[in-house]
Amino acid sequence: HSPSSAAFIEKILRDPIAKETCVIIDLATIPDGERLIFFLQSSPSIRSLPIVALGTRSNFDSLSPGIEPSLNGVVTAPYTAAELDPVIATVSEEQKIR
């Protein structure tokens, strides 16, 4: 069963969200990742959530203009946990002080 934006949107609107939460979207595995990004950024109740996107250069190149620069973090594949961890830590820390 592959992840879906619809299931995530349902969950994030239903469940309380911790202040230090950030959303990680793997563009390689979520076919409608751009739709999810747009929804998160345009929904008043959750638009403050930082978004980190993962994917290949090709995944990012296929996004509409302006989407990639609007993200709080971008990690291009191939990557390791050691490369991902500091991005998540920085975004989460920035979220705590908002």
C-alpha atoms as a PDB file:
ATOM      1  CA  HIS A   1       0.000   0.000   0.000  1.00  0.00           C
ATOM      2  CA  SER A   2       1.627   3.240  -1.108  1.00  0.00           C
ATOM      3  CA  PRO A   3       1.251   6.473   0.847  1.00  0.00           C
ATOM      4  CA  SER A   4      -1.345   8.927  -0.337  1.00  0.00           C
ATOM      5  CA  SER A   5      -1.755  12.641   0.087  1.00  0.00           C
ATOM      6  CA  ALA A   6      -5.458  12.192   0.800  1.00  0.00           C
ATOM      7  CA  ALA A   7      -4.792   9.885   3.773  1.00  0.00           C
ATOM      8  CA  PHE A   8      -2.174  12.262   5.149  1.00  0.00           C
ATOM      9  CA  ILE A   9      -4.433  15.302   4.766  1.00  0.00           C
ATOM     10  CA  GLU A  10      -7.236  13.482   6.584  1.00  0.00           C
ATOM     11  CA  LYS A  11      -4.899  12.583   9.449  1.00  0.00           C
ATOM     12  CA  ILE A  12      -3.274  15.991   9.803  1.00  0.00           C
ATOM     13  CA  LEU A  13      -6.629  17.745   9.929  1.00  0.00           C
ATOM     14  CA  ARG A  14      -8.026  15.242  12.454  1.00  0.00           C
ATOM     15  CA  ASP A  15      -5.143  14.865  14.938  1.00  0.00           C
ATOM     16  CA  PRO A  16      -3.492  17.539  17.099  1.00  0.00           C
ATOM     17  CA  ILE A  17      -0.112  18.703  15.818  1.00  0.00           C
ATOM     18  CA  ALA A  18       2.932  19.284  18.034  1.00  0.00           C
ATOM     19  CA  LYS A  19       4.510  22.721  17.673  1.00  0.00           C
ATOM     20  CA  GLU A  20       7.854  21.287  16.599  1.00  0.00           C
ATOM     21  CA  THR A  21       6.338  19.144  13.863  1.00  0.00           C
ATOM     22  CA  CYS A  22       7.583  19.372  10.329  1.00  0.00           C
ATOM     23  CA  VAL A  23       6.162  17.561   7.334  1.00  0.00           C
ATOM     24  CA  ILE A  24       8.514  15.422   5.251  1.00  0.00           C
ATOM     25  CA  ILE A  25       7.278  14.690   1.751  1.00  0.00           C
ATOM     26  CA  ASP A  26       9.077  12.105  -0.365  1.00  0.00           C
ATOM     27  CA  LEU A  27       8.313  13.210  -3.897  1.00  0.00           C
ATOM     28  CA  ALA A  28       9.605   9.904  -5.270  1.00  0.00           C
ATOM     29  CA  THR A  29       6.954   7.874  -3.441  1.00  0.00           C
ATOM     30  CA  ILE A  30       3.972  10.225  -3.250  1.00  0.00           C
ATOM     31  CA  PRO A  31       2.686  10.752  -6.778  1.00  0.00           C
ATOM     32  CA  ASP A  32       0.621  13.808  -5.844  1.00  0.00           C
ATOM     33  CA  GLY A  33       3.257  15.436  -3.632  1.00  0.00           C
ATOM     34  CA  GLU A  34       2.864  18.832  -5.270  1.00  0.00           C
ATOM     35  CA  ARG A  35      -0.857  18.796  -4.497  1.00  0.00           C
ATOM     36  CA  LEU A  36      -0.063  17.985  -0.868  1.00  0.00           C
ATOM     37  CA  ILE A  37       2.471  20.835  -0.668  1.00  0.00           C
ATOM     38  CA  PHE A  38      -0.042  23.267  -2.134  1.00  0.00           C
ATOM     39  CA  PHE A  39      -2.752  22.106   0.282  1.00  0.00           C
ATOM     40  CA  LEU A  40      -0.471  22.459   3.325  1.00  0.00           C
ATOM     41  CA  GLN A  41       0.656  25.926   2.284  1.00  0.00           C
ATOM     42  CA  SER A  42      -2.837  27.191   1.538  1.00  0.00           C
ATOM     43  CA  SER A  43      -4.779  25.805   4.521  1.00  0.00           C
ATOM     44  CA  PRO A  44      -5.065  28.365   7.325  1.00  0.00           C
ATOM     45  CA  SER A  45      -5.021  25.827  10.163  1.00  0.00           C
ATOM     46  CA  ILE A  46      -1.797  24.131   9.036  1.00  0.00           C
ATOM     47  CA  ARG A  47       0.021  26.581   6.767  1.00  0.00           C
ATOM     48  CA  SER A  48       2.602  27.304   9.458  1.00  0.00           C
ATOM     49  CA  LEU A  49       3.892  23.724   9.338  1.00  0.00           C
ATOM     50  CA  PRO A  50       7.351  23.628   7.796  1.00  0.00           C
ATOM     51  CA  ILE A  51       7.736  21.343   4.794  1.00  0.00           C
ATOM     52  CA  VAL A  52      10.849  19.385   3.875  1.00  0.00           C
ATOM     53  CA  ALA A  53      10.784  17.617   0.527  1.00  0.00           C
ATOM     54  CA  LEU A  54      12.923  14.665  -0.499  1.00  0.00           C
ATOM     55  CA  GLY A  55      13.447  13.534  -4.056  1.00  0.00           C
ATOM     56  CA  THR A  56      15.634  13.289  -7.087  1.00  0.00           C
ATOM     57  CA  ARG A  57      16.596  16.345  -9.104  1.00  0.00           C
ATOM     58  CA  SER A  58      14.050  15.121 -11.650  1.00  0.00           C
ATOM     59  CA  ASN A  59      11.296  15.123  -8.977  1.00  0.00           C
ATOM     60  CA  PHE A  60      12.081  18.731  -8.089  1.00  0.00           C
ATOM     61  CA  ASP A  61      12.381  19.781 -11.740  1.00  0.00           C
ATOM     62  CA  SER A  62       8.852  18.496 -12.384  1.00  0.00           C
ATOM     63  CA  LEU A  63       7.312  20.767  -9.716  1.00  0.00           C
ATOM     64  CA  SER A  64       5.498  23.907 -10.795  1.00  0.00           C
ATOM     65  CA  PRO A  65       7.554  27.104 -10.714  1.00  0.00           C
ATOM     66  CA  GLY A  66       7.824  28.572  -7.221  1.00  0.00           C
ATOM     67  CA  ILE A  67       7.102  25.358  -5.308  1.00  0.00           C
ATOM     68  CA  GLU A  68      10.690  24.334  -4.532  1.00  0.00           C
ATOM     69  CA  PRO A  69      11.751  27.786  -3.230  1.00  0.00           C
ATOM     70  CA  SER A  70       8.667  27.864  -0.982  1.00  0.00           C
ATOM     71  CA  LEU A  71       9.794  24.741   0.899  1.00  0.00           C
ATOM     72  CA  ASN A  72      11.546  24.997   4.264  1.00  0.00           C
ATOM     73  CA  GLY A  73      14.022  22.286   3.331  1.00  0.00           C
ATOM     74  CA  VAL A  74      15.029  20.292   0.285  1.00  0.00           C
ATOM     75  CA  VAL A  75      17.122  17.116   0.286  1.00  0.00           C
ATOM     76  CA  THR A  76      18.115  15.718  -3.081  1.00  0.00           C
ATOM     77  CA  ALA A  77      18.548  11.964  -3.546  1.00  0.00           C
ATOM     78  CA  PRO A  78      20.670  10.053  -3.140  1.00  0.00           C
ATOM     79  CA  TYR A  79      21.080  11.079   0.483  1.00  0.00           C
ATOM     80  CA  THR A  80      21.949   9.486   3.802  1.00  0.00           C
ATOM     81  CA  ALA A  81      20.411   9.891   7.234  1.00  0.00           C
ATOM     82  CA  ALA A  82      23.490  11.938   8.136  1.00  0.00           C
ATOM     83  CA  GLU A  83      22.570  14.416   5.391  1.00  0.00           C
ATOM     84  CA  LEU A  84      18.865  14.468   6.247  1.00  0.00           C
ATOM     85  CA  ASP A  85      19.184  14.829  10.036  1.00  0.00           C
ATOM     86  CA  PRO A  86      20.646  18.372  10.096  1.00  0.00           C
ATOM     87  CA  VAL A  87      17.979  19.652   7.715  1.00  0.00           C
ATOM     88  CA  ILE A  88      15.185  18.258   9.900  1.00  0.00           C
ATOM     89  CA  ALA A  89      16.868  19.525  13.081  1.00  0.00           C
ATOM     90  CA  THR A  90      17.223  23.049  11.665  1.00  0.00           C
ATOM     91  CA  VAL A  91      13.634  23.209  10.415  1.00  0.00           C
ATOM     92  CA  SER A  92      12.284  21.797  13.698  1.00  0.00           C
ATOM     93  CA  GLU A  93      14.336  24.276  15.746  1.00  0.00           C
ATOM     94  CA  GLU A  94      13.091  27.188  13.643  1.00  0.00           C
ATOM     95  CA  GLN A  95       9.525  25.971  14.183  1.00  0.00           C
ATOM     96  CA  LYS A  96       9.977  25.912  17.985  1.00  0.00           C
ATOM     97  CA  ILE A  97      10.885  29.596  18.123  1.00  0.00           C
ATOM     98  CA  ARG A  98       7.934  30.748  16.016  1.00  0.00           C
END
